[in-house]
Amino acid sequence: GGLAQAGGSLRLSCAASGLTFSSHAMGWFRQAPGKE
């Protein structure tokens, strides 16, 4: 994560341990200030 300008790009990573990818769903969620 970090700061980007509008129109720019970022790449997030999620390193997982203790589970097997093939038997799990992996998701990304986000929460903006004051929102669900």
PDB file of all heavy atoms in Angstrom:
ATOM      1  N   GLY A   1       0.826  -1.196   0.000  1.00  0.00           N
ATOM      2  CA  GLY A   1       0.000   0.000   0.000  1.00  0.00           C
ATOM      3  C   GLY A   1       0.865   1.253   0.000  1.00  0.00           C
ATOM      4  O   GLY A   1       2.081   1.192   0.107  1.00  0.00           O
ATOM      5  N   GLY A   2       0.217   2.382  -0.129  1.00  0.00           N
ATOM      6  CA  GLY A   2       0.949   3.636  -0.123  1.00  0.00           C
ATOM      7  C   GLY A   2       0.158   4.735  -0.782  1.00  0.00           C
ATOM      8  O   GLY A   2      -1.065   4.662  -0.889  1.00  0.00           O
ATOM      9  N   LEU A   3       0.874   5.727  -1.238  1.00  0.00           N
ATOM     10  CA  LEU A   3       0.264   6.903  -1.856  1.00  0.00           C
ATOM     11  C   LEU A   3       0.478   6.859  -3.360  1.00  0.00           C
ATOM     12  O   LEU A   3       1.583   6.556  -3.831  1.00  0.00           O
ATOM     13  CB  LEU A   3       0.886   8.169  -1.274  1.00  0.00           C
ATOM     14  CG  LEU A   3       0.411   9.502  -1.830  1.00  0.00           C
ATOM     15  CD1 LEU A   3      -1.060   9.720  -1.513  1.00  0.00           C
ATOM     16  CD2 LEU A   3       1.272  10.623  -1.261  1.00  0.00           C
ATOM     17  N   ALA A   4      -0.582   7.125  -4.100  1.00  0.00           N
ATOM     18  CA  ALA A   4      -0.496   7.186  -5.555  1.00  0.00           C
ATOM     19  C   ALA A   4      -1.318   8.372  -6.049  1.00  0.00           C
ATOM     20  O   ALA A   4      -2.247   8.814  -5.370  1.00  0.00           O
ATOM     21  CB  ALA A   4      -1.004   5.890  -6.185  1.00  0.00           C
ATOM     22  N   GLN A   5      -0.971   8.851  -7.209  1.00  0.00           N
ATOM     23  CA  GLN A   5      -1.765   9.909  -7.832  1.00  0.00           C
ATOM     24  C   GLN A   5      -2.880   9.289  -8.648  1.00  0.00           C
ATOM     25  O   GLN A   5      -2.784   8.127  -9.078  1.00  0.00           O
ATOM     26  CB  GLN A   5      -0.893  10.771  -8.729  1.00  0.00           C
ATOM     27  CG  GLN A   5       0.101  11.638  -7.985  1.00  0.00           C
ATOM     28  CD  GLN A   5       0.800  12.631  -8.882  1.00  0.00           C
ATOM     29  OE1 GLN A   5       0.966  12.382 -10.079  1.00  0.00           O
ATOM     30  NE2 GLN A   5       1.207  13.762  -8.325  1.00  0.00           N
ATOM     31  N   ALA A   6      -3.924  10.026  -8.841  1.00  0.00           N
ATOM     32  CA  ALA A   6      -5.014   9.549  -9.687  1.00  0.00           C
ATOM     33  C   ALA A   6      -4.460   9.171 -11.060  1.00  0.00           C
ATOM     34  O   ALA A   6      -3.643   9.898 -11.625  1.00  0.00           O
ATOM     35  CB  ALA A   6      -6.088  10.619  -9.816  1.00  0.00           C
ATOM     36  N   GLY A   7      -4.891   8.028 -11.543  1.00  0.00           N
ATOM     37  CA  GLY A   7      -4.387   7.507 -12.803  1.00  0.00           C
ATOM     38  C   GLY A   7      -3.177   6.615 -12.655  1.00  0.00           C
ATOM     39  O   GLY A   7      -2.750   5.967 -13.615  1.00  0.00           O
ATOM     40  N   GLY A   8      -2.624   6.573 -11.458  1.00  0.00           N
ATOM     41  CA  GLY A   8      -1.445   5.776 -11.210  1.00  0.00           C
ATOM     42  C   GLY A   8      -1.767   4.333 -10.858  1.00  0.00           C
ATOM     43  O   GLY A   8      -2.926   3.890 -10.958  1.00  0.00           O
ATOM     44  N   SER A   9      -0.740   3.610 -10.431  1.00  0.00           N
ATOM     45  CA  SER A   9      -0.882   2.190 -10.139  1.00  0.00           C
ATOM     46  C   SER A   9      -0.195   1.834  -8.825  1.00  0.00           C
ATOM     47  O   SER A   9       0.761   2.493  -8.406  1.00  0.00           O
ATOM     48  CB  SER A   9      -0.251   1.353 -11.259  1.00  0.00           C
ATOM     49  OG  SER A   9      -0.872   1.582 -12.499  1.00  0.00           O
ATOM     50  N   LEU A  10      -0.703   0.798  -8.213  1.00  0.00           N
ATOM     51  CA  LEU A  10      -0.081   0.181  -7.052  1.00  0.00           C
ATOM     52  C   LEU A  10      -0.321  -1.317  -7.146  1.00  0.00           C
ATOM     53  O   LEU A  10      -1.317  -1.758  -7.741  1.00  0.00           O
ATOM     54  CB  LEU A  10      -0.688   0.700  -5.744  1.00  0.00           C
ATOM     55  CG  LEU A  10      -0.294   2.100  -5.262  1.00  0.00           C
ATOM     56  CD1 LEU A  10      -1.149   2.478  -4.061  1.00  0.00           C
ATOM     57  CD2 LEU A  10       1.172   2.166  -4.921  1.00  0.00           C
ATOM     58  N   ARG A  11       0.555  -2.087  -6.547  1.00  0.00           N
ATOM     59  CA  ARG A  11       0.337  -3.532  -6.465  1.00  0.00           C
ATOM     60  C   ARG A  11       0.411  -3.950  -5.006  1.00  0.00           C
ATOM     61  O   ARG A  11       1.420  -3.727  -4.338  1.00  0.00           O
ATOM     62  CB  ARG A  11       1.355  -4.324  -7.277  1.00  0.00           C
ATOM     63  CG  ARG A  11       1.002  -5.799  -7.356  1.00  0.00           C
ATOM     64  CD  ARG A  11       1.934  -6.617  -8.232  1.00  0.00           C
ATOM     65  NE  ARG A  11       3.159  -6.988  -7.526  1.00  0.00           N
ATOM     66  CZ  ARG A  11       3.890  -8.049  -7.837  1.00  0.00           C
ATOM     67  NH1 ARG A  11       3.527  -8.842  -8.846  1.00  0.00           N
ATOM     68  NH2 ARG A  11       5.004  -8.310  -7.173  1.00  0.00           N
ATOM     69  N   LEU A  12      -0.660  -4.571  -4.559  1.00  0.00           N
ATOM     70  CA  LEU A  12      -0.713  -5.103  -3.207  1.00  0.00           C
ATOM     71  C   LEU A  12      -0.353  -6.588  -3.229  1.00  0.00           C
ATOM     72  O   LEU A  12      -0.648  -7.291  -4.184  1.00  0.00           O
ATOM     73  CB  LEU A  12      -2.113  -4.937  -2.617  1.00  0.00           C
ATOM     74  CG  LEU A  12      -2.696  -3.525  -2.626  1.00  0.00           C
ATOM     75  CD1 LEU A  12      -4.058  -3.535  -1.919  1.00  0.00           C
ATOM     76  CD2 LEU A  12      -1.759  -2.535  -1.996  1.00  0.00           C
ATOM     77  N   SER A  13       0.267  -7.022  -2.161  1.00  0.00           N
ATOM     78  CA  SER A  13       0.600  -8.437  -2.000  1.00  0.00           C
ATOM     79  C   SER A  13       0.000  -8.947  -0.702  1.00  0.00           C
ATOM     80  O   SER A  13      -0.132  -8.195   0.265  1.00  0.00           O
ATOM     81  CB  SER A  13       2.117  -8.639  -1.954  1.00  0.00           C
ATOM     82  OG  SER A  13       2.734  -8.190  -3.133  1.00  0.00           O
ATOM     83  N   CYS A  14      -0.347 -10.202  -0.702  1.00  0.00           N
ATOM     84  CA  CYS A  14      -0.851 -10.861   0.506  1.00  0.00           C
ATOM     85  C   CYS A  14      -0.144 -12.206   0.607  1.00  0.00           C
ATOM     86  O   CYS A  14      -0.419 -13.115  -0.178  1.00  0.00           O
ATOM     87  CB  CYS A  14      -2.355 -11.043   0.434  1.00  0.00           C
ATOM     88  SG  CYS A  14      -3.043 -12.065   1.775  1.00  0.00           S
ATOM     89  N   ALA A  15       0.754 -12.311   1.564  1.00  0.00           N
ATOM     90  CA  ALA A  15       1.465 -13.563   1.795  1.00  0.00           C
ATOM     91  C   ALA A  15       0.689 -14.379   2.810  1.00  0.00           C
ATOM     92  O   ALA A  15       0.425 -13.918   3.925  1.00  0.00           O
ATOM     93  CB  ALA A  15       2.871 -13.274   2.289  1.00  0.00           C
ATOM     94  N   ALA A  16       0.324 -15.584   2.404  1.00  0.00           N
ATOM     95  CA  ALA A  16      -0.490 -16.445   3.256  1.00  0.00           C
ATOM     96  C   ALA A  16       0.334 -17.620   3.762  1.00  0.00           C
ATOM     97  O   ALA A  16       1.148 -18.185   3.033  1.00  0.00           O
ATOM     98  CB  ALA A  16      -1.701 -16.969   2.487  1.00  0.00           C
ATOM     99  N   SER A  17       0.128 -17.969   4.996  1.00  0.00           N
ATOM    100  CA  SER A  17       0.767 -19.154   5.559  1.00  0.00           C
ATOM    101  C   SER A  17      -0.268 -19.916   6.369  1.00  0.00           C
ATOM    102  O   SER A  17      -1.252 -19.340   6.854  1.00  0.00           O
ATOM    103  CB  SER A  17       1.957 -18.776   6.440  1.00  0.00           C
ATOM    104  OG  SER A  17       1.555 -17.919   7.500  1.00  0.00           O
ATOM    105  N   GLY A  18      -0.050 -21.232   6.480  1.00  0.00           N
ATOM    106  CA  GLY A  18      -0.953 -22.050   7.274  1.00  0.00           C
ATOM    107  C   GLY A  18      -2.209 -22.501   6.553  1.00  0.00           C
ATOM    108  O   GLY A  18      -3.121 -23.028   7.191  1.00  0.00           O
ATOM    109  N   LEU A  19      -2.273 -22.293   5.245  1.00  0.00           N
ATOM    110  CA  LEU A  19      -3.432 -22.765   4.498  1.00  0.00           C
ATOM    111  C   LEU A  19      -2.998 -23.187   3.104  1.00  0.00           C
ATOM    112  O   LEU A  19      -1.914 -22.848   2.637  1.00  0.00           O
ATOM    113  CB  LEU A  19      -4.509 -21.679   4.415  1.00  0.00           C
ATOM    114  CG  LEU A  19      -4.178 -20.332   3.763  1.00  0.00           C
ATOM    115  CD1 LEU A  19      -4.218 -20.389   2.247  1.00  0.00           C
ATOM    116  CD2 LEU A  19      -5.169 -19.271   4.243  1.00  0.00           C
ATOM    117  N   THR A  20      -3.876 -23.933   2.445  1.00  0.00           N
ATOM    118  CA  THR A  20      -3.624 -24.404   1.092  1.00  0.00           C
ATOM    119  C   THR A  20      -4.504 -23.614   0.137  1.00  0.00           C
ATOM    120  O   THR A  20      -5.727 -23.627   0.266  1.00  0.00           O
ATOM    121  CB  THR A  20      -3.950 -25.902   0.969  1.00  0.00           C
ATOM    122  OG1 THR A  20      -3.178 -26.614   1.946  1.00  0.00           O
ATOM    123  CG2 THR A  20      -3.620 -26.403  -0.429  1.00  0.00           C
ATOM    124  N   PHE A  21      -3.878 -22.933  -0.809  1.00  0.00           N
ATOM    125  CA  PHE A  21      -4.639 -22.100  -1.730  1.00  0.00           C
ATOM    126  C   PHE A  21      -5.763 -22.876  -2.408  1.00  0.00           C
ATOM    127  O   PHE A  21      -6.868 -22.380  -2.561  1.00  0.00           O
ATOM    128  CB  PHE A  21      -3.707 -21.527  -2.797  1.00  0.00           C
ATOM    129  CG  PHE A  21      -3.175 -20.163  -2.473  1.00  0.00           C
ATOM    130  CD1 PHE A  21      -3.308 -19.623  -1.204  1.00  0.00           C
ATOM    131  CD2 PHE A  21      -2.543 -19.409  -3.445  1.00  0.00           C
ATOM    132  CE1 PHE A  21      -2.819 -18.370  -0.904  1.00  0.00           C
ATOM    133  CE2 PHE A  21      -2.047 -18.141  -3.159  1.00  0.00           C
ATOM    134  CZ  PHE A  21      -2.191 -17.623  -1.888  1.00  0.00           C
ATOM    135  N   SER A  22      -5.464 -24.086  -2.833  1.00  0.00           N
ATOM    136  CA  SER A  22      -6.419 -24.827  -3.662  1.00  0.00           C
ATOM    137  C   SER A  22      -7.725 -25.116  -2.939  1.00  0.00           C
ATOM    138  O   SER A  22      -8.745 -25.372  -3.583  1.00  0.00           O
ATOM    139  CB  SER A  22      -5.795 -26.128  -4.146  1.00  0.00           C
ATOM    140  OG  SER A  22      -5.436 -26.939  -3.042  1.00  0.00           O
ATOM    141  N   SER A  23      -7.729 -25.087  -1.625  1.00  0.00           N
ATOM    142  CA  SER A  23      -8.947 -25.389  -0.880  1.00  0.00           C
ATOM    143  C   SER A  23      -9.581 -24.151  -0.261  1.00  0.00           C
ATOM    144  O   SER A  23     -10.496 -24.259   0.562  1.00  0.00           O
ATOM    145  CB  SER A  23      -8.658 -26.412   0.215  1.00  0.00           C
ATOM    146  OG  SER A  23      -7.689 -25.915   1.123  1.00  0.00           O
ATOM    147  N   HIS A  24      -9.085 -22.986  -0.642  1.00  0.00           N
ATOM    148  CA  HIS A  24      -9.611 -21.747  -0.084  1.00  0.00           C
ATOM    149  C   HIS A  24      -9.966 -20.751  -1.175  1.00  0.00           C
ATOM    150  O   HIS A  24      -9.413 -20.793  -2.266  1.00  0.00           O
ATOM    151  CB  HIS A  24      -8.584 -21.084   0.852  1.00  0.00           C
ATOM    152  CG  HIS A  24      -8.428 -21.774   2.152  1.00  0.00           C
ATOM    153  ND1 HIS A  24      -7.699 -22.934   2.299  1.00  0.00           N
ATOM    154  CD2 HIS A  24      -8.928 -21.490   3.383  1.00  0.00           C
ATOM    155  CE1 HIS A  24      -7.750 -23.322   3.568  1.00  0.00           C
ATOM    156  NE2 HIS A  24      -8.491 -22.467   4.242  1.00  0.00           N
ATOM    157  N   ALA A  25     -10.892 -19.900  -0.854  1.00  0.00           N
ATOM    158  CA  ALA A  25     -11.138 -18.715  -1.650  1.00  0.00           C
ATOM    159  C   ALA A  25     -10.301 -17.592  -1.049  1.00  0.00           C
ATOM    160  O   ALA A  25     -10.208 -17.466   0.175  1.00  0.00           O
ATOM    161  CB  ALA A  25     -12.620 -18.339  -1.620  1.00  0.00           C
ATOM    162  N   MET A  26      -9.680 -16.799  -1.914  1.00  0.00           N
ATOM    163  CA  MET A  26      -8.888 -15.667  -1.472  1.00  0.00           C
ATOM    164  C   MET A  26      -9.550 -14.392  -1.977  1.00  0.00           C
ATOM    165  O   MET A  26      -9.872 -14.289  -3.164  1.00  0.00           O
ATOM    166  CB  MET A  26      -7.469 -15.760  -2.026  1.00  0.00           C
ATOM    167  CG  MET A  26      -6.721 -17.025  -1.629  1.00  0.00           C
ATOM    168  SD  MET A  26      -6.497 -17.184   0.146  1.00  0.00           S
ATOM    169  CE  MET A  26      -5.500 -15.734   0.503  1.00  0.00           C
ATOM    170  N   GLY A  27      -9.762 -13.470  -1.088  1.00  0.00           N
ATOM    171  CA  GLY A  27     -10.462 -12.251  -1.465  1.00  0.00           C
ATOM    172  C   GLY A  27      -9.741 -10.993  -1.030  1.00  0.00           C
ATOM    173  O   GLY A  27      -8.887 -11.039  -0.130  1.00  0.00           O
ATOM    174  N   TRP A  28     -10.078  -9.923  -1.689  1.00  0.00           N
ATOM    175  CA  TRP A  28      -9.649  -8.586  -1.275  1.00  0.00           C
ATOM    176  C   TRP A  28     -10.905  -7.770  -0.978  1.00  0.00           C
ATOM    177  O   TRP A  28     -11.865  -7.776  -1.773  1.00  0.00           O
ATOM    178  CB  TRP A  28      -8.841  -7.888  -2.359  1.00  0.00           C
ATOM    179  CG  TRP A  28      -7.446  -8.400  -2.546  1.00  0.00           C
ATOM    180  CD1 TRP A  28      -7.022  -9.321  -3.460  1.00  0.00           C
ATOM    181  CD2 TRP A  28      -6.284  -8.015  -1.805  1.00  0.00           C
ATOM    182  NE1 TRP A  28      -5.675  -9.528  -3.322  1.00  0.00           N
ATOM    183  CE2 TRP A  28      -5.188  -8.733  -2.316  1.00  0.00           C
ATOM    184  CE3 TRP A  28      -6.044  -7.124  -0.750  1.00  0.00           C
ATOM    185  CZ2 TRP A  28      -3.890  -8.604  -1.823  1.00  0.00           C
ATOM    186  CZ3 TRP A  28      -4.764  -6.986  -0.265  1.00  0.00           C
ATOM    187  CH2 TRP A  28      -3.695  -7.715  -0.790  1.00  0.00           C
ATOM    188  N   PHE A  29     -10.871  -7.091   0.133  1.00  0.00           N
ATOM    189  CA  PHE A  29     -11.930  -6.176   0.530  1.00  0.00           C
ATOM    190  C   PHE A  29     -11.283  -4.829   0.854  1.00  0.00           C
ATOM    191  O   PHE A  29     -10.065  -4.746   1.038  1.00  0.00           O
ATOM    192  CB  PHE A  29     -12.676  -6.704   1.770  1.00  0.00           C
ATOM    193  CG  PHE A  29     -13.534  -7.906   1.489  1.00  0.00           C
ATOM    194  CD1 PHE A  29     -12.976  -9.166   1.301  1.00  0.00           C
ATOM    195  CD2 PHE A  29     -14.915  -7.791   1.436  1.00  0.00           C
ATOM    196  CE1 PHE A  29     -13.767 -10.279   1.041  1.00  0.00           C
ATOM    197  CE2 PHE A  29     -15.721  -8.893   1.182  1.00  0.00           C
ATOM    198  CZ  PHE A  29     -15.135 -10.136   0.979  1.00  0.00           C
ATOM    199  N   ARG A  30     -12.091  -3.800   0.932  1.00  0.00           N
ATOM    200  CA  ARG A  30     -11.549  -2.497   1.309  1.00  0.00           C
ATOM    201  C   ARG A  30     -12.558  -1.736   2.158  1.00  0.00           C
ATOM    202  O   ARG A  30     -13.768  -1.963   2.065  1.00  0.00           O
ATOM    203  CB  ARG A  30     -11.178  -1.684   0.070  1.00  0.00           C
ATOM    204  CG  ARG A  30     -12.363  -1.272  -0.796  1.00  0.00           C
ATOM    205  CD  ARG A  30     -11.865  -0.591  -2.070  1.00  0.00           C
ATOM    206  NE  ARG A  30     -12.973  -0.121  -2.913  1.00  0.00           N
ATOM    207  CZ  ARG A  30     -12.809   0.418  -4.111  1.00  0.00           C
ATOM    208  NH1 ARG A  30     -11.594   0.567  -4.624  1.00  0.00           N
ATOM    209  NH2 ARG A  30     -13.867   0.819  -4.796  1.00  0.00           N
ATOM    210  N   GLN A  31     -12.023  -0.847   2.965  1.00  0.00           N
ATOM    211  CA  GLN A  31     -12.875  -0.018   3.814  1.00  0.00           C
ATOM    212  C   GLN A  31     -12.393   1.413   3.757  1.00  0.00           C
ATOM    213  O   GLN A  31     -11.272   1.719   4.184  1.00  0.00           O
ATOM    214  CB  GLN A  31     -12.874  -0.529   5.256  1.00  0.00           C
ATOM    215  CG  GLN A  31     -13.869   0.198   6.143  1.00  0.00           C
ATOM    216  CD  GLN A  31     -14.075  -0.499   7.468  1.00  0.00           C
ATOM    217  OE1 GLN A  31     -13.242  -1.302   7.911  1.00  0.00           O
ATOM    218  NE2 GLN A  31     -15.188  -0.216   8.116  1.00  0.00           N
ATOM    219  N   ALA A  32     -13.232   2.262   3.217  1.00  0.00           N
ATOM    220  CA  ALA A  32     -12.936   3.691   3.153  1.00  0.00           C
ATOM    221  C   ALA A  32     -13.380   4.344   4.453  1.00  0.00           C
ATOM    222  O   ALA A  32     -14.249   3.817   5.167  1.00  0.00           O
ATOM    223  CB  ALA A  32     -13.661   4.315   1.969  1.00  0.00           C
ATOM    224  N   PRO A  33     -12.812   5.495   4.777  1.00  0.00           N
ATOM    225  CA  PRO A  33     -13.187   6.180   6.022  1.00  0.00           C
ATOM    226  C   PRO A  33     -14.681   6.434   6.097  1.00  0.00           C
ATOM    227  O   PRO A  33     -15.283   6.946   5.146  1.00  0.00           O
ATOM    228  CB  PRO A  33     -12.403   7.496   5.936  1.00  0.00           C
ATOM    229  CG  PRO A  33     -11.238   7.184   5.074  1.00  0.00           C
ATOM    230  CD  PRO A  33     -11.749   6.203   4.055  1.00  0.00           C
ATOM    231  N   GLY A  34     -15.272   6.045   7.208  1.00  0.00           N
ATOM    232  CA  GLY A  34     -16.687   6.291   7.424  1.00  0.00           C
ATOM    233  C   GLY A  34     -17.619   5.384   6.658  1.00  0.00           C
ATOM    234  O   GLY A  34     -18.842   5.583   6.669  1.00  0.00           O
ATOM    235  N   LYS A  35     -17.076   4.380   6.001  1.00  0.00           N
ATOM    236  CA  LYS A  35     -17.903   3.470   5.213  1.00  0.00           C
ATOM    237  C   LYS A  35     -17.743   2.035   5.668  1.00  0.00           C
ATOM    238  O   LYS A  35     -16.789   1.691   6.378  1.00  0.00           O
ATOM    239  CB  LYS A  35     -17.558   3.587   3.730  1.00  0.00           C
ATOM    240  CG  LYS A  35     -17.887   4.948   3.126  1.00  0.00           C
ATOM    241  CD  LYS A  35     -17.685   4.927   1.629  1.00  0.00           C
ATOM    242  CE  LYS A  35     -18.094   6.251   1.002  1.00  0.00           C
ATOM    243  NZ  LYS A  35     -17.927   6.236  -0.480  1.00  0.00           N
ATOM    244  N   GLU A  36     -18.686   1.197   5.247  1.00  0.00           N
ATOM    245  CA  GLU A  36     -18.604  -0.227   5.535  1.00  0.00           C
ATOM    246  C   GLU A  36     -17.521  -0.859   4.664  1.00  0.00           C
ATOM    247  O   GLU A  36     -17.189  -0.373   3.580  1.00  0.00           O
ATOM    248  CB  GLU A  36     -19.951  -0.898   5.221  1.00  0.00           C
ATOM    249  CG  GLU A  36     -21.117  -0.397   6.044  1.00  0.00           C
ATOM    250  CD  GLU A  36     -21.035  -0.882   7.475  1.00  0.00           C
ATOM    251  OE1 GLU A  36     -20.665  -2.058   7.673  1.00  0.00           O
ATOM    252  OE2 GLU A  36     -21.335  -0.094   8.386  1.00  0.00           O
TER     253      GLU A  36
END
